[in-house]
Amino acid sequence: MHPSDEEIPPLLLCCDLDRTLIPNGSPPESPEARPRFRQLCSHPAVHLAMVTGRHLDLIHEAITHWQLPTPNFIIGDVGTSIYTFSEGAWQPWTHWATEIGPDWGGMTHGDIAEELADIPAITLQPAAQQGVFKVSYQVGLDADREALETELQRRLWGIGVNARLIWSMDELANTRLLDILPNSASKLHAVEFLGQQYSYPMERTVFAGDSGNDLEVLGSHIHAILVANAHAEVREEALRLAIASDLPDALYIAKGGFLGMNGHYAAGVLEGLAHYLPETAGWMGLGH
């Protein structure tokens, strides 16, 4: 006998958006990947959290444009905001802001942007990419990353800001991206916080990502999936972190071939989820 849907304990599936669920990188997407992903997320045991650098409006836009399932939770702005849907709207978790806010010592987004305005190597991203606890920059490929980090931290400490610097790459624009966040704000801390609030067991919590700002989760104790379209340097660093933490079994790198798909984007998410929780393979539209 198979347990009824009501008897299956819920699982928390946390997915990055750009180049993980959204096929907006250069490798091709398997055409059946997103339909199978939607089928999976229609199962009552699957609780989806979208974990992304985007803010709420851009997340809504992506869900509609790319025909993604509506999530149960949104972790936005690179882990600096958490939302649940209540009373007909997405509501921010004020207790998460209370958790991470003290790191900025009362300074605001505007205070930080003003303090760093004269550094020529960094350029503020458009307003749509900014957040209450997230100051986002473009950085030229020729900038000295180590020297820049030293200068940024020196200035931030000077105004009482305890910050985390998160690097990633915009491959379409061929530029580096830098997010300045409260030190305690991260995708990893946000996923852990969400899991604790709802008592999701660790063995039924899975994260999927592709880029530099996912590395902390990819190298952590949380069961993680690196989709096959990730850049080689991200793959190498994720493996290095997992091995250094003595957690190689907590990282799965999608290879392709699962259900005849190529392992890129949502296909890689499905492949990795079936690796960790084999019963989910039957929820992905097999036989449909």
C-alpha atoms as a PDB file:
ATOM      1  CA  MET A   1       0.000   0.000   0.000  1.00  0.00           C
ATOM      2  CA  HIS A   2       1.114   3.536  -0.709  1.00  0.00           C
ATOM      3  CA  PRO A   3       0.552   6.202   1.919  1.00  0.00           C
ATOM      4  CA  SER A   4      -2.110   8.760   1.077  1.00  0.00           C
ATOM      5  CA  ASP A   5      -1.037  12.267   0.222  1.00  0.00           C
ATOM      6  CA  GLU A   6      -2.108  13.378   3.692  1.00  0.00           C
ATOM      7  CA  GLU A   7       0.324  10.918   5.294  1.00  0.00           C
ATOM      8  CA  ILE A   8       3.381  12.040   3.311  1.00  0.00           C
ATOM      9  CA  PRO A   9       5.408  14.515   5.373  1.00  0.00           C
ATOM     10  CA  PRO A  10       5.985  17.835   3.589  1.00  0.00           C
ATOM     11  CA  LEU A  11       9.277  18.700   1.973  1.00  0.00           C
ATOM     12  CA  LEU A  12      10.739  22.170   1.557  1.00  0.00           C
ATOM     13  CA  LEU A  13      12.160  22.705  -1.946  1.00  0.00           C
ATOM     14  CA  CYS A  14      14.165  25.943  -2.125  1.00  0.00           C
ATOM     15  CA  CYS A  15      15.101  27.094  -5.634  1.00  0.00           C
ATOM     16  CA  ASP A  16      17.094  29.978  -7.009  1.00  0.00           C
ATOM     17  CA  LEU A  17      15.397  31.650  -9.981  1.00  0.00           C
ATOM     18  CA  ASP A  18      17.727  33.054 -12.653  1.00  0.00           C
ATOM     19  CA  ARG A  19      19.550  30.271 -14.499  1.00  0.00           C
ATOM     20  CA  THR A  20      18.137  27.695 -12.063  1.00  0.00           C
ATOM     21  CA  LEU A  21      14.367  27.643 -12.584  1.00  0.00           C
ATOM     22  CA  ILE A  22      14.467  30.342 -15.267  1.00  0.00           C
ATOM     23  CA  PRO A  23      16.266  29.168 -18.438  1.00  0.00           C
ATOM     24  CA  ASN A  24      17.920  32.534 -19.121  1.00  0.00           C
ATOM     25  CA  GLY A  25      21.493  31.322 -19.536  1.00  0.00           C
ATOM     26  CA  SER A  26      23.169  30.269 -22.756  1.00  0.00           C
ATOM     27  CA  PRO A  27      22.724  26.434 -22.494  1.00  0.00           C
ATOM     28  CA  PRO A  28      19.444  25.062 -23.896  1.00  0.00           C
ATOM     29  CA  GLU A  29      16.496  24.022 -21.730  1.00  0.00           C
ATOM     30  CA  SER A  30      14.851  20.599 -22.025  1.00  0.00           C
ATOM     31  CA  PRO A  31      11.334  21.478 -23.232  1.00  0.00           C
ATOM     32  CA  GLU A  32       9.599  19.166 -20.743  1.00  0.00           C
ATOM     33  CA  ALA A  33      11.557  20.435 -17.707  1.00  0.00           C
ATOM     34  CA  ARG A  34       9.259  23.240 -16.542  1.00  0.00           C
ATOM     35  CA  PRO A  35       6.011  21.311 -17.232  1.00  0.00           C
ATOM     36  CA  ARG A  36       7.373  18.442 -15.123  1.00  0.00           C
ATOM     37  CA  PHE A  37       8.440  20.921 -12.447  1.00  0.00           C
ATOM     38  CA  ARG A  38       4.911  22.388 -12.355  1.00  0.00           C
ATOM     39  CA  GLN A  39       3.542  18.846 -12.049  1.00  0.00           C
ATOM     40  CA  LEU A  40       5.887  18.154  -9.125  1.00  0.00           C
ATOM     41  CA  CYS A  41       4.886  21.347  -7.311  1.00  0.00           C
ATOM     42  CA  SER A  42       1.196  20.496  -7.623  1.00  0.00           C
ATOM     43  CA  HIS A  43       1.786  17.613  -5.192  1.00  0.00           C
ATOM     44  CA  PRO A  44       0.514  18.630  -1.723  1.00  0.00           C
ATOM     45  CA  ALA A  45       3.703  17.445  -0.004  1.00  0.00           C
ATOM     46  CA  VAL A  46       5.910  19.839  -2.013  1.00  0.00           C
ATOM     47  CA  HIS A  47       6.299  23.276  -0.420  1.00  0.00           C
ATOM     48  CA  LEU A  48       8.183  25.579  -2.789  1.00  0.00           C
ATOM     49  CA  ALA A  49      10.347  28.502  -1.694  1.00  0.00           C
ATOM     50  CA  MET A  50      11.820  30.740  -4.384  1.00  0.00           C
ATOM     51  CA  VAL A  51      15.216  31.995  -3.193  1.00  0.00           C
ATOM     52  CA  THR A  52      16.519  34.797  -5.354  1.00  0.00           C
ATOM     53  CA  GLY A  53      18.362  38.086  -5.674  1.00  0.00           C
ATOM     54  CA  ARG A  54      15.255  39.602  -7.258  1.00  0.00           C
ATOM     55  CA  HIS A  55      12.814  41.795  -5.376  1.00  0.00           C
ATOM     56  CA  LEU A  56       9.101  41.036  -5.139  1.00  0.00           C
ATOM     57  CA  ASP A  57       7.880  42.792  -8.314  1.00  0.00           C
ATOM     58  CA  LEU A  58      10.519  41.086 -10.468  1.00  0.00           C
ATOM     59  CA  ILE A  59       9.653  37.731  -8.897  1.00  0.00           C
ATOM     60  CA  HIS A  60       5.974  38.203  -9.821  1.00  0.00           C
ATOM     61  CA  GLU A  61       7.050  39.134 -13.344  1.00  0.00           C
ATOM     62  CA  ALA A  62       9.202  36.001 -13.625  1.00  0.00           C
ATOM     63  CA  ILE A  63       6.466  33.665 -12.347  1.00  0.00           C
ATOM     64  CA  THR A  64       4.065  34.957 -14.983  1.00  0.00           C
ATOM     65  CA  HIS A  65       6.507  35.203 -17.899  1.00  0.00           C
ATOM     66  CA  TRP A  66       8.135  31.807 -17.359  1.00  0.00           C
ATOM     67  CA  GLN A  67       4.960  29.988 -16.258  1.00  0.00           C
ATOM     68  CA  LEU A  68       6.392  28.968 -12.900  1.00  0.00           C
ATOM     69  CA  PRO A  69       4.265  27.563 -10.076  1.00  0.00           C
ATOM     70  CA  THR A  70       3.159  29.964  -7.348  1.00  0.00           C
ATOM     71  CA  PRO A  71       5.478  29.375  -4.377  1.00  0.00           C
ATOM     72  CA  ASN A  72       4.532  28.880  -0.745  1.00  0.00           C
ATOM     73  CA  PHE A  73       7.348  31.191   0.335  1.00  0.00           C
ATOM     74  CA  ILE A  74       9.552  33.850  -1.238  1.00  0.00           C
ATOM     75  CA  ILE A  75      13.071  34.576  -0.019  1.00  0.00           C
ATOM     76  CA  GLY A  76      14.043  37.663  -2.003  1.00  0.00           C
ATOM     77  CA  ASP A  77      16.817  40.221  -2.302  1.00  0.00           C
ATOM     78  CA  VAL A  78      19.593  37.604  -1.777  1.00  0.00           C
ATOM     79  CA  GLY A  79      18.136  36.417   1.515  1.00  0.00           C
ATOM     80  CA  THR A  80      17.350  39.830   3.001  1.00  0.00           C
ATOM     81  CA  SER A  81      13.547  39.492   2.735  1.00  0.00           C
ATOM     82  CA  ILE A  82      11.104  36.638   3.410  1.00  0.00           C
ATOM     83  CA  TYR A  83       7.439  36.691   2.365  1.00  0.00           C
ATOM     84  CA  THR A  84       4.367  34.512   2.833  1.00  0.00           C
ATOM     85  CA  PHE A  85       1.002  34.973   1.106  1.00  0.00           C
ATOM     86  CA  SER A  86      -1.712  36.173   3.466  1.00  0.00           C
ATOM     87  CA  GLU A  87      -4.954  38.152   3.097  1.00  0.00           C
ATOM     88  CA  GLY A  88      -4.590  38.358  -0.668  1.00  0.00           C
ATOM     89  CA  ALA A  89      -1.036  39.737  -0.753  1.00  0.00           C
ATOM     90  CA  TRP A  90       2.583  38.805  -0.132  1.00  0.00           C
ATOM     91  CA  GLN A  91       3.470  39.916   3.394  1.00  0.00           C
ATOM     92  CA  PRO A  92       7.073  40.523   4.529  1.00  0.00           C
ATOM     93  CA  TRP A  93       8.259  38.834   7.704  1.00  0.00           C
ATOM     94  CA  THR A  94       9.045  41.628  10.129  1.00  0.00           C
ATOM     95  CA  HIS A  95      10.692  39.113  12.481  1.00  0.00           C
ATOM     96  CA  TRP A  96      13.274  38.372   9.759  1.00  0.00           C
ATOM     97  CA  ALA A  97      14.045  42.100   9.405  1.00  0.00           C
ATOM     98  CA  THR A  98      14.424  42.203  13.195  1.00  0.00           C
ATOM     99  CA  GLU A  99      16.834  39.260  12.966  1.00  0.00           C
ATOM    100  CA  ILE A 100      19.198  40.818  10.409  1.00  0.00           C
ATOM    101  CA  GLY A 101      18.695  44.584  10.821  1.00  0.00           C
ATOM    102  CA  PRO A 102      21.042  45.207  13.777  1.00  0.00           C
ATOM    103  CA  ASP A 103      24.080  44.428  11.571  1.00  0.00           C
ATOM    104  CA  TRP A 104      23.611  47.767   9.799  1.00  0.00           C
ATOM    105  CA  GLY A 105      23.743  49.700  13.062  1.00  0.00           C
ATOM    106  CA  GLY A 106      20.895  52.026  12.107  1.00  0.00           C
ATOM    107  CA  MET A 107      22.401  52.899   8.707  1.00  0.00           C
ATOM    108  CA  THR A 108      20.093  52.811   5.679  1.00  0.00           C
ATOM    109  CA  HIS A 109      20.529  51.803   2.038  1.00  0.00           C
ATOM    110  CA  GLY A 110      20.981  55.492   1.203  1.00  0.00           C
ATOM    111  CA  ASP A 111      23.634  56.002   3.881  1.00  0.00           C
ATOM    112  CA  ILE A 112      25.725  53.126   2.512  1.00  0.00           C
ATOM    113  CA  ALA A 113      25.350  54.177  -1.137  1.00  0.00           C
ATOM    114  CA  GLU A 114      26.430  57.712  -0.226  1.00  0.00           C
ATOM    115  CA  GLU A 115      29.472  56.489   1.733  1.00  0.00           C
ATOM    116  CA  LEU A 116      30.691  54.430  -1.250  1.00  0.00           C
ATOM    117  CA  ALA A 117      29.664  56.836  -4.044  1.00  0.00           C
ATOM    118  CA  ASP A 118      33.197  57.984  -4.897  1.00  0.00           C
ATOM    119  CA  ILE A 119      34.673  54.512  -5.528  1.00  0.00           C
ATOM    120  CA  PRO A 120      35.182  54.364  -9.331  1.00  0.00           C
ATOM    121  CA  ALA A 121      35.283  50.550  -9.642  1.00  0.00           C
ATOM    122  CA  ILE A 122      31.636  50.126  -8.604  1.00  0.00           C
ATOM    123  CA  THR A 123      28.422  51.403 -10.183  1.00  0.00           C
ATOM    124  CA  LEU A 124      25.024  51.182  -8.505  1.00  0.00           C
ATOM    125  CA  GLN A 125      22.629  48.825 -10.260  1.00  0.00           C
ATOM    126  CA  PRO A 126      19.175  50.218 -11.218  1.00  0.00           C
ATOM    127  CA  ALA A 127      16.689  50.962  -8.429  1.00  0.00           C
ATOM    128  CA  ALA A 128      14.725  47.818  -9.291  1.00  0.00           C
ATOM    129  CA  GLN A 129      17.704  45.715  -8.135  1.00  0.00           C
ATOM    130  CA  GLN A 130      18.030  47.403  -4.740  1.00  0.00           C
ATOM    131  CA  GLY A 131      16.429  46.382  -1.443  1.00  0.00           C
ATOM    132  CA  VAL A 132      15.929  47.734   2.062  1.00  0.00           C
ATOM    133  CA  PHE A 133      18.827  45.562   3.280  1.00  0.00           C
ATOM    134  CA  LYS A 134      20.618  45.138  -0.068  1.00  0.00           C
ATOM    135  CA  VAL A 135      22.903  47.604  -1.883  1.00  0.00           C
ATOM    136  CA  SER A 136      23.748  46.210  -5.326  1.00  0.00           C
ATOM    137  CA  TYR A 137      26.566  47.209  -7.685  1.00  0.00           C
ATOM    138  CA  GLN A 138      28.034  46.322 -11.043  1.00  0.00           C
ATOM    139  CA  VAL A 139      31.792  45.814 -10.953  1.00  0.00           C
ATOM    140  CA  GLY A 140      34.106  45.896 -13.958  1.00  0.00           C
ATOM    141  CA  LEU A 141      35.894  42.652 -14.826  1.00  0.00           C
ATOM    142  CA  ASP A 142      39.257  44.410 -14.522  1.00  0.00           C
ATOM    143  CA  ALA A 143      38.695  45.566 -10.915  1.00  0.00           C
ATOM    144  CA  ASP A 144      41.018  44.165  -8.238  1.00  0.00           C
ATOM    145  CA  ARG A 145      38.511  42.204  -6.167  1.00  0.00           C
ATOM    146  CA  GLU A 146      40.709  41.745  -3.111  1.00  0.00           C
ATOM    147  CA  ALA A 147      41.708  45.406  -2.892  1.00  0.00           C
ATOM    148  CA  LEU A 148      38.123  46.495  -3.491  1.00  0.00           C
ATOM    149  CA  GLU A 149      36.769  44.236  -0.726  1.00  0.00           C
ATOM    150  CA  THR A 150      39.352  45.608   1.709  1.00  0.00           C
ATOM    151  CA  GLU A 151      38.391  49.208   0.919  1.00  0.00           C
ATOM    152  CA  LEU A 152      34.649  48.503   1.084  1.00  0.00           C
ATOM    153  CA  GLN A 153      34.883  46.765   4.452  1.00  0.00           C
ATOM    154  CA  ARG A 154      37.115  49.517   5.845  1.00  0.00           C
ATOM    155  CA  ARG A 155      34.547  52.151   4.934  1.00  0.00           C
ATOM    156  CA  LEU A 156      31.564  50.102   6.087  1.00  0.00           C
ATOM    157  CA  TRP A 157      33.145  49.391   9.465  1.00  0.00           C
ATOM    158  CA  GLY A 158      33.823  53.122   9.699  1.00  0.00           C
ATOM    159  CA  ILE A 159      30.091  53.908   9.658  1.00  0.00           C
ATOM    160  CA  GLY A 160      29.190  51.004  11.955  1.00  0.00           C
ATOM    161  CA  VAL A 161      27.947  48.574   9.293  1.00  0.00           C
ATOM    162  CA  ASN A 162      28.716  44.863   9.717  1.00  0.00           C
ATOM    163  CA  ALA A 163      28.337  43.678   6.120  1.00  0.00           C
ATOM    164  CA  ARG A 164      28.590  40.612   3.968  1.00  0.00           C
ATOM    165  CA  LEU A 165      29.830  41.004   0.383  1.00  0.00           C
ATOM    166  CA  ILE A 166      28.258  38.605  -2.122  1.00  0.00           C
ATOM    167  CA  TRP A 167      29.707  38.245  -5.634  1.00  0.00           C
ATOM    168  CA  SER A 168      28.013  36.810  -8.696  1.00  0.00           C
ATOM    169  CA  MET A 169      28.202  37.090 -12.474  1.00  0.00           C
ATOM    170  CA  ASP A 170      25.754  38.446 -15.039  1.00  0.00           C
ATOM    171  CA  GLU A 171      26.790  36.319 -17.983  1.00  0.00           C
ATOM    172  CA  LEU A 172      24.484  38.083 -20.459  1.00  0.00           C
ATOM    173  CA  ALA A 173      25.930  41.518 -19.624  1.00  0.00           C
ATOM    174  CA  ASN A 174      29.408  40.014 -19.034  1.00  0.00           C
ATOM    175  CA  THR A 175      29.859  41.924 -15.792  1.00  0.00           C
ATOM    176  CA  ARG A 176      30.405  41.073 -12.148  1.00  0.00           C
ATOM    177  CA  LEU A 177      27.719  41.861  -9.585  1.00  0.00           C
ATOM    178  CA  LEU A 178      28.255  42.730  -5.932  1.00  0.00           C
ATOM    179  CA  ASP A 179      25.609  42.777  -3.196  1.00  0.00           C
ATOM    180  CA  ILE A 180      26.254  44.396   0.186  1.00  0.00           C
ATOM    181  CA  LEU A 181      24.038  42.787   2.827  1.00  0.00           C
ATOM    182  CA  PRO A 182      23.802  42.651   6.614  1.00  0.00           C
ATOM    183  CA  ASN A 183      26.385  40.108   7.766  1.00  0.00           C
ATOM    184  CA  SER A 184      23.739  37.774   9.189  1.00  0.00           C
ATOM    185  CA  ALA A 185      21.611  37.935   6.016  1.00  0.00           C
ATOM    186  CA  SER A 186      22.239  35.199   3.478  1.00  0.00           C
ATOM    187  CA  LYS A 187      20.348  32.629   1.478  1.00  0.00           C
ATOM    188  CA  LEU A 188      21.644  29.974   3.901  1.00  0.00           C
ATOM    189  CA  HIS A 189      20.507  31.776   7.059  1.00  0.00           C
ATOM    190  CA  ALA A 190      17.128  32.581   5.449  1.00  0.00           C
ATOM    191  CA  VAL A 191      16.541  28.949   4.410  1.00  0.00           C
ATOM    192  CA  GLU A 192      17.515  27.774   7.907  1.00  0.00           C
ATOM    193  CA  PHE A 193      15.257  30.394   9.516  1.00  0.00           C
ATOM    194  CA  LEU A 194      12.318  29.387   7.291  1.00  0.00           C
ATOM    195  CA  GLY A 195      12.865  25.691   8.027  1.00  0.00           C
ATOM    196  CA  GLN A 196      12.975  26.327  11.769  1.00  0.00           C
ATOM    197  CA  GLN A 197       9.815  28.466  11.744  1.00  0.00           C
ATOM    198  CA  TYR A 198       7.819  25.652  10.126  1.00  0.00           C
ATOM    199  CA  SER A 199       9.752  22.669  11.547  1.00  0.00           C
ATOM    200  CA  TYR A 200      10.731  21.164   8.192  1.00  0.00           C
ATOM    201  CA  PRO A 201      13.076  18.231   8.897  1.00  0.00           C
ATOM    202  CA  MET A 202      16.587  18.687   7.532  1.00  0.00           C
ATOM    203  CA  GLU A 203      16.393  15.446   5.533  1.00  0.00           C
ATOM    204  CA  ARG A 204      13.359  16.832   3.662  1.00  0.00           C
ATOM    205  CA  THR A 205      14.848  20.262   2.929  1.00  0.00           C
ATOM    206  CA  VAL A 206      16.541  20.645  -0.475  1.00  0.00           C
ATOM    207  CA  PHE A 207      18.117  23.696  -2.125  1.00  0.00           C
ATOM    208  CA  ALA A 208      18.944  24.182  -5.827  1.00  0.00           C
ATOM    209  CA  GLY A 209      21.122  26.884  -7.353  1.00  0.00           C
ATOM    210  CA  ASP A 210      23.707  27.754  -9.978  1.00  0.00           C
ATOM    211  CA  SER A 211      25.793  30.807  -9.095  1.00  0.00           C
ATOM    212  CA  GLY A 212      28.250  32.454  -6.741  1.00  0.00           C
ATOM    213  CA  ASN A 213      25.579  33.799  -4.419  1.00  0.00           C
ATOM    214  CA  ASP A 214      24.345  30.206  -3.901  1.00  0.00           C
ATOM    215  CA  LEU A 215      27.733  28.857  -2.804  1.00  0.00           C
ATOM    216  CA  GLU A 216      27.185  29.209   0.922  1.00  0.00           C
ATOM    217  CA  VAL A 217      24.142  26.921   0.740  1.00  0.00           C
ATOM    218  CA  LEU A 218      25.743  24.598  -1.828  1.00  0.00           C
ATOM    219  CA  GLY A 219      28.649  23.980   0.558  1.00  0.00           C
ATOM    220  CA  SER A 220      26.499  23.639   3.684  1.00  0.00           C
ATOM    221  CA  HIS A 221      24.791  20.828   5.597  1.00  0.00           C
ATOM    222  CA  ILE A 222      21.565  21.370   3.616  1.00  0.00           C
ATOM    223  CA  HIS A 223      20.945  18.883   0.790  1.00  0.00           C
ATOM    224  CA  ALA A 224      21.878  20.949  -2.251  1.00  0.00           C
ATOM    225  CA  ILE A 225      21.679  20.620  -6.032  1.00  0.00           C
ATOM    226  CA  LEU A 226      23.947  22.384  -8.510  1.00  0.00           C
ATOM    227  CA  VAL A 227      22.243  22.434 -11.913  1.00  0.00           C
ATOM    228  CA  ALA A 228      24.304  21.253 -14.903  1.00  0.00           C
ATOM    229  CA  ASN A 229      24.406  24.689 -16.574  1.00  0.00           C
ATOM    230  CA  ALA A 230      26.418  26.224 -13.699  1.00  0.00           C
ATOM    231  CA  HIS A 231      29.778  27.731 -14.614  1.00  0.00           C
ATOM    232  CA  ALA A 232      32.803  25.469 -14.124  1.00  0.00           C
ATOM    233  CA  GLU A 233      34.317  27.769 -11.477  1.00  0.00           C
ATOM    234  CA  VAL A 234      31.113  27.620  -9.399  1.00  0.00           C
ATOM    235  CA  ARG A 235      31.095  23.834  -9.708  1.00  0.00           C
ATOM    236  CA  GLU A 236      34.722  23.613  -8.580  1.00  0.00           C
ATOM    237  CA  GLU A 237      34.197  25.967  -5.639  1.00  0.00           C
ATOM    238  CA  ALA A 238      31.004  24.181  -4.527  1.00  0.00           C
ATOM    239  CA  LEU A 239      32.854  20.861  -4.546  1.00  0.00           C
ATOM    240  CA  ARG A 240      35.771  22.385  -2.663  1.00  0.00           C
ATOM    241  CA  LEU A 241      33.462  23.804   0.022  1.00  0.00           C
ATOM    242  CA  ALA A 242      31.536  20.539   0.395  1.00  0.00           C
ATOM    243  CA  ILE A 243      34.752  18.530   0.760  1.00  0.00           C
ATOM    244  CA  ALA A 244      36.311  21.083   3.132  1.00  0.00           C
ATOM    245  CA  SER A 245      33.182  20.871   5.310  1.00  0.00           C
ATOM    246  CA  ASP A 246      33.300  17.049   5.150  1.00  0.00           C
ATOM    247  CA  LEU A 247      29.820  17.149   3.597  1.00  0.00           C
ATOM    248  CA  PRO A 248      30.329  15.702   0.082  1.00  0.00           C
ATOM    249  CA  ASP A 249      27.038  13.763   0.313  1.00  0.00           C
ATOM    250  CA  ALA A 250      25.128  17.022   0.839  1.00  0.00           C
ATOM    251  CA  LEU A 251      25.957  18.260  -2.693  1.00  0.00           C
ATOM    252  CA  TYR A 252      24.533  16.746  -5.872  1.00  0.00           C
ATOM    253  CA  ILE A 253      25.742  18.006  -9.246  1.00  0.00           C
ATOM    254  CA  ALA A 254      23.234  17.364 -12.023  1.00  0.00           C
ATOM    255  CA  LYS A 255      24.645  15.373 -14.943  1.00  0.00           C
ATOM    256  CA  GLY A 256      21.675  15.069 -17.287  1.00  0.00           C
ATOM    257  CA  GLY A 257      19.998  11.912 -18.531  1.00  0.00           C
ATOM    258  CA  PHE A 258      17.275  11.821 -15.866  1.00  0.00           C
ATOM    259  CA  LEU A 259      13.877  11.363 -17.583  1.00  0.00           C
ATOM    260  CA  GLY A 260      15.707  12.003 -20.857  1.00  0.00           C
ATOM    261  CA  MET A 261      16.446  15.616 -19.913  1.00  0.00           C
ATOM    262  CA  ASN A 262      19.755  17.505 -20.040  1.00  0.00           C
ATOM    263  CA  GLY A 263      20.164  18.503 -16.374  1.00  0.00           C
ATOM    264  CA  HIS A 264      20.064  22.243 -17.098  1.00  0.00           C
ATOM    265  CA  TYR A 265      17.781  24.557 -15.115  1.00  0.00           C
ATOM    266  CA  ALA A 266      14.561  22.880 -13.829  1.00  0.00           C
ATOM    267  CA  ALA A 267      15.689  19.527 -15.269  1.00  0.00           C
ATOM    268  CA  GLY A 268      18.659  19.615 -12.889  1.00  0.00           C
ATOM    269  CA  VAL A 269      16.404  20.515  -9.953  1.00  0.00           C
ATOM    270  CA  LEU A 270      14.182  17.503 -10.675  1.00  0.00           C
ATOM    271  CA  GLU A 271      17.195  15.218 -11.108  1.00  0.00           C
ATOM    272  CA  GLY A 272      18.708  16.267  -7.805  1.00  0.00           C
ATOM    273  CA  LEU A 273      15.438  16.075  -5.898  1.00  0.00           C
ATOM    274  CA  ALA A 274      14.876  12.505  -7.114  1.00  0.00           C
ATOM    275  CA  HIS A 275      18.443  11.693  -5.982  1.00  0.00           C
ATOM    276  CA  TYR A 276      17.758  12.834  -2.414  1.00  0.00           C
ATOM    277  CA  LEU A 277      14.073  11.821  -2.202  1.00  0.00           C
ATOM    278  CA  PRO A 278      13.445   9.026  -4.751  1.00  0.00           C
ATOM    279  CA  GLU A 279       9.693   8.952  -4.102  1.00  0.00           C
ATOM    280  CA  THR A 280       9.405  12.383  -5.775  1.00  0.00           C
ATOM    281  CA  ALA A 281      10.252  10.901  -9.199  1.00  0.00           C
ATOM    282  CA  GLY A 282       6.693   9.631  -9.343  1.00  0.00           C
ATOM    283  CA  TRP A 283       5.324  13.154  -8.823  1.00  0.00           C
ATOM    284  CA  MET A 284       6.983  14.619 -11.929  1.00  0.00           C
ATOM    285  CA  GLY A 285       4.447  13.630 -14.539  1.00  0.00           C
ATOM    286  CA  LEU A 286       5.750  10.147 -15.356  1.00  0.00           C
ATOM    287  CA  GLY A 287       3.298   8.420 -17.644  1.00  0.00           C
ATOM    288  CA  HIS A 288       1.512  11.687 -18.472  1.00  0.00           C
END
